[in-house]
Amino acid sequence: MEIKEITKGKLTVKDAALICDLSVQAIYKWEKTGKVPPGHVIAISRATGWLVTPYDLRPDIYPHPDDGLPKIHEAAA
């Protein structure tokens, strides 16, 4: 799955690499697995303006749709 699919078209491979301070090759590895590593989930969600939530990225780690979201999002839900 491409990073654009993972982030609903909000980030490119280069964007994700810059946000997470990783190499482009590391992001391509994510594409192969289709999973964002746990330590980068919040950064990627934040970079998409929370359009892609931690739950969307890793429901195995964030099992509730509000998990990992800033408090303002929890209050609005």
PDB file of N, CA and C in Angstrom:
ATOM      1  N   MET A   1       0.853  -1.172   0.000  1.00  0.00           N
ATOM      2  CA  MET A   1       0.000   0.000   0.000  1.00  0.00           C
ATOM      3  C   MET A   1       0.901   1.238   0.000  1.00  0.00           C
ATOM      4  N   GLU A   2       0.660   2.161  -0.894  1.00  0.00           N
ATOM      5  CA  GLU A   2       1.469   3.367  -0.989  1.00  0.00           C
ATOM      6  C   GLU A   2       1.155   4.335   0.154  1.00  0.00           C
ATOM      7  N   ILE A   3       2.148   5.154   0.492  1.00  0.00           N
ATOM      8  CA  ILE A   3       1.970   6.122   1.574  1.00  0.00           C
ATOM      9  C   ILE A   3       0.816   7.066   1.279  1.00  0.00           C
ATOM     10  N   LYS A   4       0.591   7.381   0.003  1.00  0.00           N
ATOM     11  CA  LYS A   4      -0.547   8.245  -0.336  1.00  0.00           C
ATOM     12  C   LYS A   4      -1.867   7.565   0.020  1.00  0.00           C
ATOM     13  N   GLU A   5      -1.938   6.250  -0.127  1.00  0.00           N
ATOM     14  CA  GLU A   5      -3.145   5.522   0.281  1.00  0.00           C
ATOM     15  C   GLU A   5      -3.255   5.487   1.796  1.00  0.00           C
ATOM     16  N   ILE A   6      -2.126   5.223   2.455  1.00  0.00           N
ATOM     17  CA  ILE A   6      -2.107   5.154   3.915  1.00  0.00           C
ATOM     18  C   ILE A   6      -2.563   6.478   4.517  1.00  0.00           C
ATOM     19  N   THR A   7      -2.153   7.593   3.896  1.00  0.00           N
ATOM     20  CA  THR A   7      -2.472   8.921   4.436  1.00  0.00           C
ATOM     21  C   THR A   7      -3.602   9.620   3.680  1.00  0.00           C
ATOM     22  N   LYS A   8      -4.384   8.871   2.958  1.00  0.00           N
ATOM     23  CA  LYS A   8      -5.516   9.416   2.205  1.00  0.00           C
ATOM     24  C   LYS A   8      -5.109  10.570   1.290  1.00  0.00           C
ATOM     25  N   GLY A   9      -3.949  10.413   0.644  1.00  0.00           N
ATOM     26  CA  GLY A   9      -3.479  11.403  -0.311  1.00  0.00           C
ATOM     27  C   GLY A   9      -2.871  12.652   0.290  1.00  0.00           C
ATOM     28  N   LYS A  10      -2.719  12.697   1.592  1.00  0.00           N
ATOM     29  CA  LYS A  10      -2.223  13.903   2.252  1.00  0.00           C
ATOM     30  C   LYS A  10      -0.702  14.009   2.275  1.00  0.00           C
ATOM     31  N   LEU A  11       0.019  12.884   2.217  1.00  0.00           N
ATOM     32  CA  LEU A  11       1.472  12.927   2.309  1.00  0.00           C
ATOM     33  C   LEU A  11       2.131  12.127   1.204  1.00  0.00           C
ATOM     34  N   THR A  12       3.267  12.615   0.762  1.00  0.00           N
ATOM     35  CA  THR A  12       4.096  11.859  -0.169  1.00  0.00           C
ATOM     36  C   THR A  12       5.147  11.102   0.644  1.00  0.00           C
ATOM     37  N   VAL A  13       5.889  10.262  -0.025  1.00  0.00           N
ATOM     38  CA  VAL A  13       6.968   9.542   0.642  1.00  0.00           C
ATOM     39  C   VAL A  13       7.964  10.540   1.229  1.00  0.00           C
ATOM     40  N   LYS A  14       8.292  11.553   0.454  1.00  0.00           N
ATOM     41  CA  LYS A  14       9.245  12.565   0.925  1.00  0.00           C
ATOM     42  C   LYS A  14       8.695  13.323   2.134  1.00  0.00           C
ATOM     43  N   ASP A  15       7.415  13.682   2.089  1.00  0.00           N
ATOM     44  CA  ASP A  15       6.781  14.362   3.233  1.00  0.00           C
ATOM     45  C   ASP A  15       6.899  13.509   4.492  1.00  0.00           C
ATOM     46  N   ALA A  16       6.523  12.249   4.381  1.00  0.00           N
ATOM     47  CA  ALA A  16       6.555  11.347   5.532  1.00  0.00           C
ATOM     48  C   ALA A  16       7.972  11.193   6.064  1.00  0.00           C
ATOM     49  N   ALA A  17       8.934  11.093   5.166  1.00  0.00           N
ATOM     50  CA  ALA A  17      10.334  10.963   5.586  1.00  0.00           C
ATOM     51  C   ALA A  17      10.787  12.201   6.360  1.00  0.00           C
ATOM     52  N   LEU A  18      10.437  13.384   5.859  1.00  0.00           N
ATOM     53  CA  LEU A  18      10.820  14.622   6.545  1.00  0.00           C
ATOM     54  C   LEU A  18      10.140  14.740   7.904  1.00  0.00           C
ATOM     55  N   ILE A  19       8.863  14.435   7.960  1.00  0.00           N
ATOM     56  CA  ILE A  19       8.096  14.535   9.208  1.00  0.00           C
ATOM     57  C   ILE A  19       8.665  13.613  10.279  1.00  0.00           C
ATOM     58  N   CYS A  20       9.047  12.417   9.873  1.00  0.00           N
ATOM     59  CA  CYS A  20       9.518  11.413  10.828  1.00  0.00           C
ATOM     60  C   CYS A  20      11.035  11.379  10.970  1.00  0.00           C
ATOM     61  N   ASP A  21      11.726  12.273  10.253  1.00  0.00           N
ATOM     62  CA  ASP A  21      13.180  12.319  10.275  1.00  0.00           C
ATOM     63  C   ASP A  21      13.781  10.958   9.916  1.00  0.00           C
ATOM     64  N   LEU A  22      13.284  10.409   8.818  1.00  0.00           N
ATOM     65  CA  LEU A  22      13.726   9.114   8.320  1.00  0.00           C
ATOM     66  C   LEU A  22      14.137   9.244   6.860  1.00  0.00           C
ATOM     67  N   SER A  23      14.733   8.203   6.354  1.00  0.00           N
ATOM     68  CA  SER A  23      15.079   8.175   4.934  1.00  0.00           C
ATOM     69  C   SER A  23      13.844   7.811   4.111  1.00  0.00           C
ATOM     70  N   VAL A  24      13.889   8.177   2.864  1.00  0.00           N
ATOM     71  CA  VAL A  24      12.819   7.795   1.940  1.00  0.00           C
ATOM     72  C   VAL A  24      12.722   6.268   1.875  1.00  0.00           C
ATOM     73  N   GLN A  25      13.862   5.599   1.938  1.00  0.00           N
ATOM     74  CA  GLN A  25      13.878   4.137   1.899  1.00  0.00           C
ATOM     75  C   GLN A  25      13.109   3.535   3.073  1.00  0.00           C
ATOM     76  N   ALA A  26      13.185   4.177   4.237  1.00  0.00           N
ATOM     77  CA  ALA A  26      12.433   3.685   5.400  1.00  0.00           C
ATOM     78  C   ALA A  26      10.934   3.766   5.146  1.00  0.00           C
ATOM     79  N   ILE A  27      10.506   4.818   4.473  1.00  0.00           N
ATOM     80  CA  ILE A  27       9.078   4.964   4.180  1.00  0.00           C
ATOM     81  C   ILE A  27       8.640   3.923   3.160  1.00  0.00           C
ATOM     82  N   TYR A  28       9.501   3.628   2.188  1.00  0.00           N
ATOM     83  CA  TYR A  28       9.169   2.574   1.223  1.00  0.00           C
ATOM     84  C   TYR A  28       8.981   1.234   1.937  1.00  0.00           C
ATOM     85  N   LYS A  29       9.712   1.038   3.008  1.00  0.00           N
ATOM     86  CA  LYS A  29       9.546  -0.187   3.799  1.00  0.00           C
ATOM     87  C   LYS A  29       8.143  -0.230   4.414  1.00  0.00           C
ATOM     88  N   TRP A  30       7.663   0.934   4.869  1.00  0.00           N
ATOM     89  CA  TRP A  30       6.295   0.997   5.396  1.00  0.00           C
ATOM     90  C   TRP A  30       5.309   0.581   4.318  1.00  0.00           C
ATOM     91  N   GLU A  31       5.566   1.054   3.103  1.00  0.00           N
ATOM     92  CA  GLU A  31       4.651   0.725   2.002  1.00  0.00           C
ATOM     93  C   GLU A  31       4.601  -0.782   1.770  1.00  0.00           C
ATOM     94  N   LYS A  32       5.728  -1.434   1.913  1.00  0.00           N
ATOM     95  CA  LYS A  32       5.757  -2.889   1.726  1.00  0.00           C
ATOM     96  C   LYS A  32       4.942  -3.606   2.792  1.00  0.00           C
ATOM     97  N   THR A  33       5.037  -3.130   4.031  1.00  0.00           N
ATOM     98  CA  THR A  33       4.307  -3.780   5.126  1.00  0.00           C
ATOM     99  C   THR A  33       2.879  -3.257   5.254  1.00  0.00           C
ATOM    100  N   GLY A  34       2.649  -2.031   4.757  1.00  0.00           N
ATOM    101  CA  GLY A  34       1.329  -1.423   4.891  1.00  0.00           C
ATOM    102  C   GLY A  34       1.059  -0.904   6.285  1.00  0.00           C
ATOM    103  N   LYS A  35       2.125  -0.800   7.102  1.00  0.00           N
ATOM    104  CA  LYS A  35       1.957  -0.339   8.481  1.00  0.00           C
ATOM    105  C   LYS A  35       2.946   0.758   8.815  1.00  0.00           C
ATOM    106  N   VAL A  36       2.452   1.743   9.526  1.00  0.00           N
ATOM    107  CA  VAL A  36       3.304   2.792  10.063  1.00  0.00           C
ATOM    108  C   VAL A  36       3.824   2.275  11.406  1.00  0.00           C
ATOM    109  N   PRO A  37       5.132   2.357  11.645  1.00  0.00           N
ATOM    110  CA  PRO A  37       5.663   1.904  12.932  1.00  0.00           C
ATOM    111  C   PRO A  37       5.031   2.681  14.090  1.00  0.00           C
ATOM    112  N   PRO A  38       4.844   2.024  15.225  1.00  0.00           N
ATOM    113  CA  PRO A  38       4.165   2.661  16.360  1.00  0.00           C
ATOM    114  C   PRO A  38       4.709   4.027  16.748  1.00  0.00           C
ATOM    115  N   GLY A  39       6.002   4.216  16.699  1.00  0.00           N
ATOM    116  CA  GLY A  39       6.592   5.481  17.116  1.00  0.00           C
ATOM    117  C   GLY A  39       6.336   6.647  16.182  1.00  0.00           C
ATOM    118  N   HIS A  40       5.736   6.384  15.026  1.00  0.00           N
ATOM    119  CA  HIS A  40       5.496   7.449  14.043  1.00  0.00           C
ATOM    120  C   HIS A  40       4.010   7.692  13.768  1.00  0.00           C
ATOM    121  N   VAL A  41       3.157   6.944  14.392  1.00  0.00           N
ATOM    122  CA  VAL A  41       1.713   7.040  14.138  1.00  0.00           C
ATOM    123  C   VAL A  41       1.172   8.434  14.449  1.00  0.00           C
ATOM    124  N   ILE A  42       1.491   8.957  15.609  1.00  0.00           N
ATOM    125  CA  ILE A  42       0.953  10.262  16.009  1.00  0.00           C
ATOM    126  C   ILE A  42       1.470  11.363  15.082  1.00  0.00           C
ATOM    127  N   ALA A  43       2.750  11.317  14.746  1.00  0.00           N
ATOM    128  CA  ALA A  43       3.322  12.339  13.858  1.00  0.00           C
ATOM    129  C   ALA A  43       2.644  12.321  12.491  1.00  0.00           C
ATOM    130  N   ILE A  44       2.398  11.150  11.964  1.00  0.00           N
ATOM    131  CA  ILE A  44       1.741  11.044  10.660  1.00  0.00           C
ATOM    132  C   ILE A  44       0.295  11.529  10.761  1.00  0.00           C
ATOM    133  N   SER A  45      -0.396  11.148  11.813  1.00  0.00           N
ATOM    134  CA  SER A  45      -1.778  11.614  11.996  1.00  0.00           C
ATOM    135  C   SER A  45      -1.827  13.126  12.106  1.00  0.00           C
ATOM    136  N   ARG A  46      -0.938  13.676  12.914  1.00  0.00           N
ATOM    137  CA  ARG A  46      -0.896  15.133  13.093  1.00  0.00           C
ATOM    138  C   ARG A  46      -0.614  15.828  11.756  1.00  0.00           C
ATOM    139  N   ALA A  47       0.297  15.270  10.970  1.00  0.00           N
ATOM    140  CA  ALA A  47       0.669  15.872   9.680  1.00  0.00           C
ATOM    141  C   ALA A  47      -0.484  15.860   8.682  1.00  0.00           C
ATOM    142  N   THR A  48      -1.428  14.962   8.853  1.00  0.00           N
ATOM    143  CA  THR A  48      -2.585  14.930   7.962  1.00  0.00           C
ATOM    144  C   THR A  48      -3.729  15.786   8.503  1.00  0.00           C
ATOM    145  N   GLY A  49      -3.446  16.528   9.565  1.00  0.00           N
ATOM    146  CA  GLY A  49      -4.494  17.339  10.186  1.00  0.00           C
ATOM    147  C   GLY A  49      -5.530  16.467  10.873  1.00  0.00           C
ATOM    148  N   TRP A  50      -5.113  15.286  11.297  1.00  0.00           N
ATOM    149  CA  TRP A  50      -5.943  14.295  11.981  1.00  0.00           C
ATOM    150  C   TRP A  50      -7.005  13.689  11.072  1.00  0.00           C
ATOM    151  N   LEU A  51      -6.903  13.946   9.758  1.00  0.00           N
ATOM    152  CA  LEU A  51      -7.805  13.297   8.805  1.00  0.00           C
ATOM    153  C   LEU A  51      -7.596  11.783   8.862  1.00  0.00           C
ATOM    154  N   VAL A  52      -6.349  11.393   9.013  1.00  0.00           N
ATOM    155  CA  VAL A  52      -6.005   9.990   9.209  1.00  0.00           C
ATOM    156  C   VAL A  52      -5.687   9.846  10.692  1.00  0.00           C
ATOM    157  N   THR A  53      -6.496   9.099  11.397  1.00  0.00           N
ATOM    158  CA  THR A  53      -6.341   8.975  12.843  1.00  0.00           C
ATOM    159  C   THR A  53      -5.380   7.838  13.207  1.00  0.00           C
ATOM    160  N   PRO A  54      -4.892   7.855  14.447  1.00  0.00           N
ATOM    161  CA  PRO A  54      -4.078   6.721  14.892  1.00  0.00           C
ATOM    162  C   PRO A  54      -4.835   5.393  14.738  1.00  0.00           C
ATOM    163  N   TYR A  55      -6.111   5.422  14.990  1.00  0.00           N
ATOM    164  CA  TYR A  55      -6.948   4.225  14.803  1.00  0.00           C
ATOM    165  C   TYR A  55      -6.917   3.749  13.350  1.00  0.00           C
ATOM    166  N   ASP A  56      -6.985   4.682  12.399  1.00  0.00           N
ATOM    167  CA  ASP A  56      -6.928   4.321  10.980  1.00  0.00           C
ATOM    168  C   ASP A  56      -5.602   3.650  10.638  1.00  0.00           C
ATOM    169  N   LEU A  57      -4.523   4.195  11.200  1.00  0.00           N
ATOM    170  CA  LEU A  57      -3.193   3.709  10.878  1.00  0.00           C
ATOM    171  C   LEU A  57      -2.847   2.399  11.579  1.00  0.00           C
ATOM    172  N   ARG A  58      -3.191   2.289  12.850  1.00  0.00           N
ATOM    173  CA  ARG A  58      -2.804   1.114  13.627  1.00  0.00           C
ATOM    174  C   ARG A  58      -3.892   0.733  14.632  1.00  0.00           C
ATOM    175  N   PRO A  59      -4.998   0.162  14.158  1.00  0.00           N
ATOM    176  CA  PRO A  59      -6.058  -0.233  15.088  1.00  0.00           C
ATOM    177  C   PRO A  59      -5.606  -1.302  16.084  1.00  0.00           C
ATOM    178  N   ASP A  60      -4.513  -1.981  15.775  1.00  0.00           N
ATOM    179  CA  ASP A  60      -3.983  -2.967  16.717  1.00  0.00           C
ATOM    180  C   ASP A  60      -3.380  -2.297  17.951  1.00  0.00           C
ATOM    181  N   ILE A  61      -2.941  -1.058  17.814  1.00  0.00           N
ATOM    182  CA  ILE A  61      -2.350  -0.318  18.925  1.00  0.00           C
ATOM    183  C   ILE A  61      -3.338   0.707  19.490  1.00  0.00           C
ATOM    184  N   TYR A  62      -4.153   1.273  18.630  1.00  0.00           N
ATOM    185  CA  TYR A  62      -5.159   2.274  19.005  1.00  0.00           C
ATOM    186  C   TYR A  62      -6.542   1.695  18.698  1.00  0.00           C
ATOM    187  N   PRO A  63      -7.050   0.806  19.556  1.00  0.00           N
ATOM    188  CA  PRO A  63      -8.271   0.066  19.235  1.00  0.00           C
ATOM    189  C   PRO A  63      -9.575   0.865  19.251  1.00  0.00           C
ATOM    190  N   HIS A  64      -9.583   2.022  19.865  1.00  0.00           N
ATOM    191  CA  HIS A  64     -10.796   2.848  19.908  1.00  0.00           C
ATOM    192  C   HIS A  64     -10.605   4.018  18.940  1.00  0.00           C
ATOM    193  N   PRO A  65     -11.618   4.395  18.170  1.00  0.00           N
ATOM    194  CA  PRO A  65     -11.469   5.471  17.190  1.00  0.00           C
ATOM    195  C   PRO A  65     -10.934   6.791  17.745  1.00  0.00           C
ATOM    196  N   ASP A  66     -11.107   7.074  19.034  1.00  0.00           N
ATOM    197  CA  ASP A  66     -10.619   8.318  19.626  1.00  0.00           C
ATOM    198  C   ASP A  66      -9.226   8.189  20.234  1.00  0.00           C
ATOM    199  N   ASP A  67      -8.686   6.993  20.298  1.00  0.00           N
ATOM    200  CA  ASP A  67      -7.369   6.789  20.902  1.00  0.00           C
ATOM    201  C   ASP A  67      -6.302   7.567  20.147  1.00  0.00           C
ATOM    202  N   GLY A  68      -5.468   8.268  20.901  1.00  0.00           N
ATOM    203  CA  GLY A  68      -4.349   8.998  20.318  1.00  0.00           C
ATOM    204  C   GLY A  68      -4.692  10.372  19.777  1.00  0.00           C
ATOM    205  N   LEU A  69      -5.963  10.717  19.743  1.00  0.00           N
ATOM    206  CA  LEU A  69      -6.360  12.035  19.230  1.00  0.00           C
ATOM    207  C   LEU A  69      -6.182  13.101  20.306  1.00  0.00           C
ATOM    208  N   PRO A  70      -5.926  14.338  19.908  1.00  0.00           N
ATOM    209  CA  PRO A  70      -5.836  15.412  20.899  1.00  0.00           C
ATOM    210  C   PRO A  70      -7.174  15.579  21.609  1.00  0.00           C
ATOM    211  N   LYS A  71      -7.130  16.090  22.776  1.00  0.00           N
ATOM    212  CA  LYS A  71      -8.342  16.263  23.612  1.00  0.00           C
ATOM    213  C   LYS A  71      -9.441  17.030  22.893  1.00  0.00           C
ATOM    214  N   ILE A  72      -9.110  18.017  22.087  1.00  0.00           N
ATOM    215  CA  ILE A  72     -10.120  18.805  21.396  1.00  0.00           C
ATOM    216  C   ILE A  72     -10.973  17.912  20.478  1.00  0.00           C
ATOM    217  N   HIS A  73     -10.368  16.911  19.873  1.00  0.00           N
ATOM    218  CA  HIS A  73     -11.113  15.997  19.011  1.00  0.00           C
ATOM    219  C   HIS A  73     -12.017  15.083  19.823  1.00  0.00           C
ATOM    220  N   GLU A  74     -11.561  14.683  21.001  1.00  0.00           N
ATOM    221  CA  GLU A  74     -12.376  13.815  21.850  1.00  0.00           C
ATOM    222  C   GLU A  74     -13.625  14.554  22.313  1.00  0.00           C
ATOM    223  N   ALA A  75     -13.476  15.839  22.648  1.00  0.00           N
ATOM    224  CA  ALA A  75     -14.619  16.618  23.119  1.00  0.00           C
ATOM    225  C   ALA A  75     -15.627  16.855  21.988  1.00  0.00           C
ATOM    226  N   ALA A  76     -15.152  16.955  20.768  1.00  0.00           N
ATOM    227  CA  ALA A  76     -16.045  17.224  19.644  1.00  0.00           C
ATOM    228  C   ALA A  76     -16.801  15.968  19.197  1.00  0.00           C
ATOM    229  N   ALA A  77     -16.297  14.806  19.552  1.00  0.00           N
ATOM    230  CA  ALA A  77     -16.911  13.551  19.099  1.00  0.00           C
ATOM    231  C   ALA A  77     -18.173  13.209  19.824  1.00  0.00           C
TER     232      ALA A  77
END
